[in-house]
C-alpha atoms as a PDB file:
ATOM      1  CA  MET A   1       0.014   0.003   0.001  1.00  0.00           C
ATOM      2  CA  THR A   2       1.383   3.397  -0.932  1.00  0.00           C
ATOM      3  CA  ARG A   3       1.817   6.126   1.618  1.00  0.00           C
ATOM      4  CA  LEU A   4      -0.939   8.129   0.027  1.00  0.00           C
ATOM      5  CA  ALA A   5      -3.307   5.215   0.376  1.00  0.00           C
ATOM      6  CA  THR A   6      -2.159   4.680   3.944  1.00  0.00           C
ATOM      7  CA  ASP A   7      -2.830   8.291   4.836  1.00  0.00           C
ATOM      8  CA  ALA A   8      -6.230   8.152   3.153  1.00  0.00           C
ATOM      9  CA  ALA A   9      -7.106   4.963   5.096  1.00  0.00           C
ATOM     10  CA  SER A  10      -5.943   6.565   8.335  1.00  0.00           C
ATOM     11  CA  SER A  11      -8.091   9.661   7.562  1.00  0.00           C
ATOM     12  CA  GLU A  12     -11.122   7.466   6.885  1.00  0.00           C
ATOM     13  CA  ALA A  13     -10.633   5.531  10.195  1.00  0.00           C
ATOM     14  CA  LEU A  14     -10.372   8.866  12.020  1.00  0.00           C
ATOM     15  CA  ARG A  15     -13.445  10.229  10.298  1.00  0.00           C
ATOM     16  CA  ARG A  16     -15.430   7.172  11.455  1.00  0.00           C
ATOM     17  CA  GLU A  17     -14.183   7.518  15.058  1.00  0.00           C
ATOM     18  CA  ALA A  18     -15.126  11.185  15.155  1.00  0.00           C
ATOM     19  CA  ASP A  19     -18.517  10.548  13.520  1.00  0.00           C
ATOM     20  CA  ALA A  20     -19.222   7.820  16.096  1.00  0.00           C
ATOM     21  CA  LEU A  21     -18.896  10.420  18.828  1.00  0.00           C
ATOM     22  CA  GLY A  22     -21.070  12.944  17.108  1.00  0.00           C
ATOM     23  CA  PRO A  23     -22.857  15.134  16.648  1.00  0.00           C
ATOM     24  CA  TRP A  24     -20.196  17.771  17.581  1.00  0.00           C
ATOM     25  CA  PHE A  25     -20.782  21.358  18.352  1.00  0.00           C
ATOM     26  CA  HIS A  26     -17.063  22.188  18.418  1.00  0.00           C
ATOM     27  CA  ASN A  27     -15.376  21.930  14.995  1.00  0.00           C
ATOM     28  CA  ILE A  28     -11.891  20.872  15.764  1.00  0.00           C
ATOM     29  CA  ASP A  29      -9.081  20.093  13.279  1.00  0.00           C
ATOM     30  CA  LEU A  30      -7.713  16.623  14.151  1.00  0.00           C
ATOM     31  CA  GLY A  31      -5.062  16.956  11.551  1.00  0.00           C
ATOM     32  CA  GLY A  32      -6.974  17.290   8.236  1.00  0.00           C
ATOM     33  CA  VAL A  33     -10.192  15.676   9.681  1.00  0.00           C
ATOM     34  CA  TRP A  34     -12.612  18.151  11.148  1.00  0.00           C
ATOM     35  CA  THR A  35     -15.104  17.094  13.764  1.00  0.00           C
ATOM     36  CA  ALA A  36     -17.979  19.274  12.500  1.00  0.00           C
ATOM     37  CA  PRO A  37     -17.304  20.224   8.897  1.00  0.00           C
ATOM     38  CA  ASP A  38     -20.927  21.120   8.229  1.00  0.00           C
ATOM     39  CA  HIS A  39     -21.564  23.231  11.341  1.00  0.00           C
ATOM     40  CA  PHE A  40     -24.407  25.612  10.874  1.00  0.00           C
ATOM     41  CA  LEU A  41     -22.263  28.373  12.247  1.00  0.00           C
ATOM     42  CA  GLY A  42     -19.348  27.596   9.954  1.00  0.00           C
ATOM     43  CA  ASP A  43     -15.918  27.034  11.582  1.00  0.00           C
ATOM     44  CA  TYR A  44     -17.217  27.325  15.109  1.00  0.00           C
ATOM     45  CA  PRO A  45     -15.864  28.104  17.601  1.00  0.00           C
ATOM     46  CA  GLY A  46     -12.584  28.715  15.652  1.00  0.00           C
ATOM     47  CA  LEU A  47     -14.132  31.730  13.900  1.00  0.00           C
ATOM     48  CA  LYS A  48     -15.080  33.384  17.163  1.00  0.00           C
ATOM     49  CA  TRP A  49     -11.729  32.452  18.852  1.00  0.00           C
ATOM     50  CA  ARG A  50      -9.712  34.148  16.111  1.00  0.00           C
ATOM     51  CA  ARG A  51     -11.605  37.412  16.815  1.00  0.00           C
ATOM     52  CA  PHE A  52     -10.415  37.612  20.360  1.00  0.00           C
ATOM     53  CA  ALA A  53      -7.482  35.257  20.751  1.00  0.00           C
ATOM     54  CA  SER A  54      -4.917  38.021  20.647  1.00  0.00           C
ATOM     55  CA  ALA A  55      -6.481  39.609  23.761  1.00  0.00           C
ATOM     56  CA  LEU A  56      -5.196  36.690  25.838  1.00  0.00           C
ATOM     57  CA  SER A  57      -1.646  36.025  26.839  1.00  0.00           C
ATOM     58  CA  ALA A  58       0.072  33.909  24.172  1.00  0.00           C
ATOM     59  CA  ASP A  59       2.255  32.396  26.930  1.00  0.00           C
ATOM     60  CA  LEU A  60       0.326  30.663  29.744  1.00  0.00           C
ATOM     61  CA  THR A  61       3.395  28.801  31.039  1.00  0.00           C
ATOM     62  CA  GLY A  62       2.790  27.874  34.719  1.00  0.00           C
ATOM     63  CA  LYS A  63      -0.761  28.918  34.747  1.00  0.00           C
ATOM     64  CA  SER A  64      -3.837  26.663  35.691  1.00  0.00           C
ATOM     65  CA  VAL A  65      -6.924  26.849  33.551  1.00  0.00           C
ATOM     66  CA  LEU A  66     -10.473  25.827  34.338  1.00  0.00           C
ATOM     67  CA  ASP A  67     -12.802  25.408  31.337  1.00  0.00           C
ATOM     68  CA  ILE A  68     -16.391  25.275  32.690  1.00  0.00           C
ATOM     69  CA  GLY A  69     -18.735  23.867  30.083  1.00  0.00           C
ATOM     70  CA  CYS A  70     -15.915  22.591  27.952  1.00  0.00           C
ATOM     71  CA  ASN A  71     -18.111  20.837  25.397  1.00  0.00           C
ATOM     72  CA  GLY A  72     -15.901  19.143  22.783  1.00  0.00           C
ATOM     73  CA  GLY A  73     -12.791  20.614  24.225  1.00  0.00           C
ATOM     74  CA  PHE A  74     -11.829  23.354  21.738  1.00  0.00           C
ATOM     75  CA  TYR A  75     -10.947  26.104  24.249  1.00  0.00           C
ATOM     76  CA  SER A  76      -9.196  23.589  26.661  1.00  0.00           C
ATOM     77  CA  ILE A  77      -6.949  22.491  23.733  1.00  0.00           C
ATOM     78  CA  GLU A  78      -6.164  26.094  22.844  1.00  0.00           C
ATOM     79  CA  MET A  79      -5.191  26.869  26.395  1.00  0.00           C
ATOM     80  CA  LYS A  80      -2.873  23.873  26.397  1.00  0.00           C
ATOM     81  CA  ARG A  81      -1.335  24.993  23.127  1.00  0.00           C
ATOM     82  CA  ARG A  82      -0.392  28.244  24.856  1.00  0.00           C
ATOM     83  CA  GLY A  83       1.614  26.323  27.479  1.00  0.00           C
ATOM     84  CA  ALA A  84      -0.818  26.218  30.431  1.00  0.00           C
ATOM     85  CA  SER A  85       0.623  23.739  32.972  1.00  0.00           C
ATOM     86  CA  ARG A  86      -2.690  22.394  34.004  1.00  0.00           C
ATOM     87  CA  VAL A  87      -6.041  22.503  32.161  1.00  0.00           C
ATOM     88  CA  LEU A  88      -9.204  21.038  33.703  1.00  0.00           C
ATOM     89  CA  GLY A  89     -12.373  20.910  31.504  1.00  0.00           C
ATOM     90  CA  LEU A  90     -15.751  20.435  33.099  1.00  0.00           C
ATOM     91  CA  ASP A  91     -19.075  19.399  31.518  1.00  0.00           C
ATOM     92  CA  SER A  92     -22.227  17.765  32.705  1.00  0.00           C
ATOM     93  CA  ASP A  93     -22.781  15.841  29.501  1.00  0.00           C
ATOM     94  CA  GLU A  94     -20.850  12.666  29.148  1.00  0.00           C
ATOM     95  CA  ARG A  95     -21.028  12.786  25.310  1.00  0.00           C
ATOM     96  CA  TYR A  96     -19.182  16.099  25.256  1.00  0.00           C
ATOM     97  CA  LEU A  97     -16.602  14.780  27.661  1.00  0.00           C
ATOM     98  CA  ALA A  98     -16.006  11.747  25.459  1.00  0.00           C
ATOM     99  CA  GLN A  99     -15.518  14.087  22.475  1.00  0.00           C
ATOM    100  CA  ALA A 100     -13.136  16.252  24.462  1.00  0.00           C
ATOM    101  CA  ARG A 101     -11.032  13.359  25.620  1.00  0.00           C
ATOM    102  CA  PHE A 102     -10.885  11.893  22.121  1.00  0.00           C
ATOM    103  CA  ALA A 103      -9.795  15.245  20.521  1.00  0.00           C
ATOM    104  CA  ALA A 104      -7.189  16.092  23.201  1.00  0.00           C
ATOM    105  CA  SER A 105      -5.775  12.580  23.131  1.00  0.00           C
ATOM    106  CA  HIS A 106      -5.533  12.469  19.332  1.00  0.00           C
ATOM    107  CA  LEU A 107      -3.751  15.847  19.349  1.00  0.00           C
ATOM    108  CA  GLY A 108      -1.367  14.727  22.036  1.00  0.00           C
ATOM    109  CA  HIS A 109      -2.575  17.121  24.859  1.00  0.00           C
ATOM    110  CA  ASP A 110      -2.548  16.113  28.562  1.00  0.00           C
ATOM    111  CA  ILE A 111      -5.839  17.594  29.684  1.00  0.00           C
ATOM    112  CA  GLU A 112      -8.077  16.358  32.482  1.00  0.00           C
ATOM    113  CA  PHE A 113     -11.869  16.302  31.801  1.00  0.00           C
ATOM    114  CA  ARG A 114     -14.319  15.695  34.500  1.00  0.00           C
ATOM    115  CA  LYS A 115     -18.210  15.490  34.816  1.00  0.00           C
ATOM    116  CA  LEU A 116     -19.169  18.288  37.082  1.00  0.00           C
ATOM    117  CA  SER A 117     -21.903  20.938  37.119  1.00  0.00           C
ATOM    118  CA  VAL A 118     -21.112  24.612  37.376  1.00  0.00           C
ATOM    119  CA  TYR A 119     -23.221  24.592  40.526  1.00  0.00           C
ATOM    120  CA  ASP A 120     -20.812  22.136  42.047  1.00  0.00           C
ATOM    121  CA  VAL A 121     -17.474  23.869  41.404  1.00  0.00           C
ATOM    122  CA  GLY A 122     -17.001  24.387  45.144  1.00  0.00           C
ATOM    123  CA  ALA A 123     -16.114  20.695  45.332  1.00  0.00           C
ATOM    124  CA  LEU A 124     -12.912  21.413  43.413  1.00  0.00           C
ATOM    125  CA  ALA A 125     -11.548  23.310  46.482  1.00  0.00           C
ATOM    126  CA  GLU A 126      -9.121  25.058  44.192  1.00  0.00           C
ATOM    127  CA  ARG A 127      -8.647  28.468  42.530  1.00  0.00           C
ATOM    128  CA  PHE A 128      -7.435  28.772  38.927  1.00  0.00           C
ATOM    129  CA  ASP A 129      -5.412  31.469  37.261  1.00  0.00           C
ATOM    130  CA  VAL A 130      -7.806  31.526  34.278  1.00  0.00           C
ATOM    131  CA  VAL A 131     -11.437  30.437  34.225  1.00  0.00           C
ATOM    132  CA  LEU A 132     -13.165  30.003  30.954  1.00  0.00           C
ATOM    133  CA  PHE A 133     -16.998  30.320  30.968  1.00  0.00           C
ATOM    134  CA  MET A 134     -17.906  30.279  27.320  1.00  0.00           C
ATOM    135  CA  GLY A 135     -21.354  29.764  25.879  1.00  0.00           C
ATOM    136  CA  VAL A 136     -22.887  28.346  29.111  1.00  0.00           C
ATOM    137  CA  LEU A 137     -24.794  31.036  30.937  1.00  0.00           C
ATOM    138  CA  TYR A 138     -27.891  31.070  28.650  1.00  0.00           C
ATOM    139  CA  HIS A 139     -28.272  27.288  29.134  1.00  0.00           C
ATOM    140  CA  LEU A 140     -28.672  27.676  32.881  1.00  0.00           C
ATOM    141  CA  ARG A 141     -31.887  27.944  34.886  1.00  0.00           C
ATOM    142  CA  HIS A 142     -29.928  29.763  37.633  1.00  0.00           C
ATOM    143  CA  PRO A 143     -27.366  31.955  35.908  1.00  0.00           C
ATOM    144  CA  MET A 144     -26.614  34.461  38.541  1.00  0.00           C
ATOM    145  CA  LEU A 145     -26.003  31.678  41.081  1.00  0.00           C
ATOM    146  CA  ALA A 146     -23.467  30.168  38.619  1.00  0.00           C
ATOM    147  CA  LEU A 147     -21.574  33.416  38.376  1.00  0.00           C
ATOM    148  CA  ASP A 148     -21.637  33.823  42.210  1.00  0.00           C
ATOM    149  CA  LEU A 149     -20.211  30.322  42.710  1.00  0.00           C
ATOM    150  CA  ILE A 150     -17.445  30.845  40.144  1.00  0.00           C
ATOM    151  CA  HIS A 151     -16.456  34.046  41.964  1.00  0.00           C
ATOM    152  CA  GLU A 152     -16.637  32.445  45.389  1.00  0.00           C
ATOM    153  CA  HIS A 153     -14.908  29.158  44.721  1.00  0.00           C
ATOM    154  CA  VAL A 154     -12.727  28.923  41.595  1.00  0.00           C
ATOM    155  CA  ALA A 155     -11.872  32.256  40.034  1.00  0.00           C
ATOM    156  CA  GLY A 156      -8.374  33.283  41.010  1.00  0.00           C
ATOM    157  CA  ASP A 157      -7.800  36.241  38.692  1.00  0.00           C
ATOM    158  CA  LEU A 158      -8.975  36.169  35.056  1.00  0.00           C
ATOM    159  CA  LEU A 159     -12.408  35.202  33.882  1.00  0.00           C
ATOM    160  CA  VAL A 160     -12.852  34.815  30.071  1.00  0.00           C
ATOM    161  CA  PHE A 161     -16.651  34.942  29.611  1.00  0.00           C
ATOM    162  CA  GLN A 162     -18.870  34.645  26.587  1.00  0.00           C
ATOM    163  CA  SER A 163     -22.675  34.671  26.227  1.00  0.00           C
ATOM    164  CA  MET A 164     -25.191  34.970  23.391  1.00  0.00           C
ATOM    165  CA  LEU A 165     -26.665  38.404  23.608  1.00  0.00           C
ATOM    166  CA  ARG A 166     -29.975  39.621  22.188  1.00  0.00           C
ATOM    167  CA  GLY A 167     -31.737  42.939  22.233  1.00  0.00           C
ATOM    168  CA  SER A 168     -30.181  46.372  22.325  1.00  0.00           C
ATOM    169  CA  SER A 169     -26.453  46.848  22.492  1.00  0.00           C
ATOM    170  CA  GLN A 170     -26.904  50.230  24.237  1.00  0.00           C
ATOM    171  CA  VAL A 171     -25.644  50.577  27.805  1.00  0.00           C
ATOM    172  CA  GLU A 172     -26.940  53.422  29.916  1.00  0.00           C
ATOM    173  CA  PRO A 173     -25.725  54.378  33.434  1.00  0.00           C
ATOM    174  CA  VAL A 174     -27.757  52.695  36.154  1.00  0.00           C
ATOM    175  CA  ALA A 175     -28.629  54.644  39.346  1.00  0.00           C
ATOM    176  CA  ASP A 176     -27.829  53.205  42.758  1.00  0.00           C
ATOM    177  CA  ASP A 177     -31.513  53.187  43.514  1.00  0.00           C
ATOM    178  CA  TYR A 178     -34.898  54.105  42.017  1.00  0.00           C
ATOM    179  CA  ASP A 179     -38.081  55.282  43.528  1.00  0.00           C
ATOM    180  CA  PHE A 180     -40.954  52.716  43.644  1.00  0.00           C
ATOM    181  CA  TRP A 181     -43.012  54.875  41.288  1.00  0.00           C
ATOM    182  CA  ASP A 182     -40.135  55.531  38.800  1.00  0.00           C
ATOM    183  CA  MET A 183     -40.783  52.984  35.964  1.00  0.00           C
ATOM    184  CA  ASP A 184     -39.431  54.797  32.864  1.00  0.00           C
ATOM    185  CA  GLN A 185     -36.016  53.086  33.027  1.00  0.00           C
ATOM    186  CA  PHE A 186     -37.637  49.705  32.305  1.00  0.00           C
ATOM    187  CA  GLU A 187     -38.743  50.961  28.928  1.00  0.00           C
ATOM    188  CA  ARG A 188     -35.317  52.279  27.905  1.00  0.00           C
ATOM    189  CA  PRO A 189     -33.297  49.987  25.604  1.00  0.00           C
ATOM    190  CA  GLY A 190     -30.034  50.511  27.499  1.00  0.00           C
ATOM    191  CA  TYR A 191     -31.476  49.380  30.820  1.00  0.00           C
ATOM    192  CA  PRO A 192     -30.207  45.797  31.919  1.00  0.00           C
ATOM    193  CA  ARG A 193     -32.422  43.034  30.799  1.00  0.00           C
ATOM    194  CA  LEU A 194     -32.440  39.220  31.002  1.00  0.00           C
ATOM    195  CA  HIS A 195     -34.908  37.714  28.543  1.00  0.00           C
ATOM    196  CA  PHE A 196     -36.599  34.488  29.702  1.00  0.00           C
ATOM    197  CA  VAL A 197     -37.167  31.727  27.138  1.00  0.00           C
ATOM    198  CA  GLU A 198     -40.154  29.764  28.337  1.00  0.00           C
ATOM    199  CA  HIS A 199     -40.127  27.047  25.648  1.00  0.00           C
ATOM    200  CA  SER A 200     -37.164  26.960  23.317  1.00  0.00           C
ATOM    201  CA  TYR A 201     -34.962  29.276  21.196  1.00  0.00           C
ATOM    202  CA  ALA A 202     -33.159  28.216  18.004  1.00  0.00           C
ATOM    203  CA  HIS A 203     -34.726  24.847  18.374  1.00  0.00           C
ATOM    204  CA  ASP A 204     -32.947  24.281  21.769  1.00  0.00           C
ATOM    205  CA  TRP A 205     -35.016  23.872  24.855  1.00  0.00           C
ATOM    206  CA  THR A 206     -31.876  24.334  27.004  1.00  0.00           C
ATOM    207  CA  ASN A 207     -31.737  28.051  26.123  1.00  0.00           C
ATOM    208  CA  TRP A 208     -33.296  29.638  29.225  1.00  0.00           C
ATOM    209  CA  TRP A 209     -32.062  33.205  29.653  1.00  0.00           C
ATOM    210  CA  ILE A 210     -30.694  35.612  27.016  1.00  0.00           C
ATOM    211  CA  PRO A 211     -29.332  38.983  28.271  1.00  0.00           C
ATOM    212  CA  ASN A 212     -28.872  42.146  26.424  1.00  0.00           C
ATOM    213  CA  ARG A 213     -25.436  43.757  26.612  1.00  0.00           C
ATOM    214  CA  ALA A 214     -26.324  46.033  29.548  1.00  0.00           C
ATOM    215  CA  GLY A 215     -27.790  43.103  31.446  1.00  0.00           C
ATOM    216  CA  MET A 216     -24.722  40.917  30.947  1.00  0.00           C
ATOM    217  CA  GLU A 217     -22.306  43.618  32.032  1.00  0.00           C
ATOM    218  CA  ALA A 218     -24.459  44.328  35.102  1.00  0.00           C
ATOM    219  CA  MET A 219     -24.552  40.659  36.013  1.00  0.00           C
ATOM    220  CA  LEU A 220     -20.754  40.333  35.799  1.00  0.00           C
ATOM    221  CA  ARG A 221     -20.208  43.366  38.014  1.00  0.00           C
ATOM    222  CA  ALA A 222     -22.833  42.230  40.450  1.00  0.00           C
ATOM    223  CA  SER A 223     -21.190  38.869  40.941  1.00  0.00           C
ATOM    224  CA  GLY A 224     -17.784  40.532  41.715  1.00  0.00           C
ATOM    225  CA  PHE A 225     -16.012  40.735  38.342  1.00  0.00           C
ATOM    226  CA  THR A 226     -14.436  43.877  36.979  1.00  0.00           C
ATOM    227  CA  ILE A 227     -14.757  44.084  33.201  1.00  0.00           C
ATOM    228  CA  GLU A 228     -11.283  44.714  31.789  1.00  0.00           C
ATOM    229  CA  SER A 229     -12.062  44.590  28.075  1.00  0.00           C
ATOM    230  CA  ARG A 230     -14.625  43.430  25.520  1.00  0.00           C
ATOM    231  CA  PRO A 231     -12.450  42.120  22.599  1.00  0.00           C
ATOM    232  CA  GLU A 232     -15.338  40.600  20.778  1.00  0.00           C
ATOM    233  CA  ALA A 233     -19.079  41.423  20.729  1.00  0.00           C
ATOM    234  CA  GLU A 234     -19.980  38.600  23.054  1.00  0.00           C
ATOM    235  CA  VAL A 235     -16.663  38.056  24.957  1.00  0.00           C
ATOM    236  CA  TYR A 236     -15.529  39.753  28.134  1.00  0.00           C
ATOM    237  CA  LEU A 237     -12.244  39.572  29.867  1.00  0.00           C
ATOM    238  CA  CYS A 238     -12.814  40.120  33.596  1.00  0.00           C
ATOM    239  CA  ARG A 239     -10.735  40.296  36.781  1.00  0.00           C
ATOM    240  CA  ARG A 240     -11.923  38.962  40.086  1.00  0.00           C
ATOM    241  CA  ALA A 241     -12.633  41.690  42.579  1.00  0.00           C
ATOM    242  CA  PRO A 242     -14.256  41.681  46.044  1.00  0.00           C
ATOM    243  CA  ALA A 243     -17.897  40.773  45.773  1.00  0.00           C
ATOM    244  CA  PRO A 244     -20.248  43.642  46.238  1.00  0.00           C
ATOM    245  CA  ALA A 245     -22.805  43.746  49.046  1.00  0.00           C
ATOM    246  CA  GLY A 246     -25.587  41.319  48.499  1.00  0.00           C
ATOM    247  CA  ALA A 247     -23.628  38.942  46.273  1.00  0.00           C
ATOM    248  CA  GLU A 248     -23.620  36.001  48.575  1.00  0.00           C
ATOM    249  CA  ALA A 249     -24.604  32.923  46.506  1.00  0.00           C
ATOM    250  CA  VAL A 250     -27.103  31.281  48.811  1.00  0.00           C
ATOM    251  CA  TYR A 251     -28.139  33.767  51.536  1.00  0.00           C
ATOM    252  CA  PRO A 252     -27.977  37.322  50.022  1.00  0.00           C
ATOM    253  CA  ALA A 253     -27.335  40.040  52.529  1.00  0.00           C
ATOM    254  CA  ARG A 254     -30.474  41.865  51.487  1.00  0.00           C
ATOM    255  CA  GLY A 255     -32.422  38.737  52.154  1.00  0.00           C
ATOM    256  CA  ILE A 256     -36.215  38.525  52.431  1.00  0.00           C
ATOM    257  CA  ASN A 257     -38.134  41.706  53.214  1.00  0.00           C
ATOM    258  CA  GLY A 258     -34.777  43.521  53.391  1.00  0.00           C
ATOM    259  CA  ARG A 259     -33.662  41.483  56.470  1.00  0.00           C
ATOM    260  CA  GLU A 260     -30.244  39.882  56.510  1.00  0.00           C
ATOM    261  CA  GLY A 261     -30.371  36.246  55.491  1.00  0.00           C
ATOM    262  CA  ARG A 262     -29.900  33.656  58.335  1.00  0.00           C
END
């Protein structure tokens, strides 16, 4: 058998292995064989990654990275390519974890993948230099709780965050307080909003909440993250800061009827 024929046979075998683990949401190049060549968003998430990759350090030597909602492992692999000493990918779906392990192993990257919900990140008992939280928030029934738990338990410094956004891209200043009878701000397009999806969106029943830009930025700040930059329309680089008053994940300080939670 010629080398060309051998290469073709190897590619066919790899194609069958990848297809057996599908369908894939992450289109990953396994060396000429792509995991999702017919992705409805094109080369996703590679296309999005190329729009903000330069905003992250190209050298992550010695850094630890946590990828929450790692899906097929695209971002975990990219972090390892930048030299991160430890990369841990989390997902609650065994199918995605199998894809991620397959892709990382085939590409020769030592990455740990574990089944764990974002609501259980406290069980890790560890803070990471970089936390990735990409394309997860709108799939959660309790998005603010997730951000609070990330801040409280695992974020050490940098949070790389991405969410689908819908509605106005305007952002208006928000007052510290409003009178009970002042309702005009709720009609303005730049006021923070979190749209609730009762049934499904884009044929996906796991899409629960979709913020507008003002809403997303307000949620990040309210959970204790300082927005450092917005290198792509849906991507934020944030630094962990002290949590503001009332940001406790389970028993908020403002509590019920304004009383402190017990």
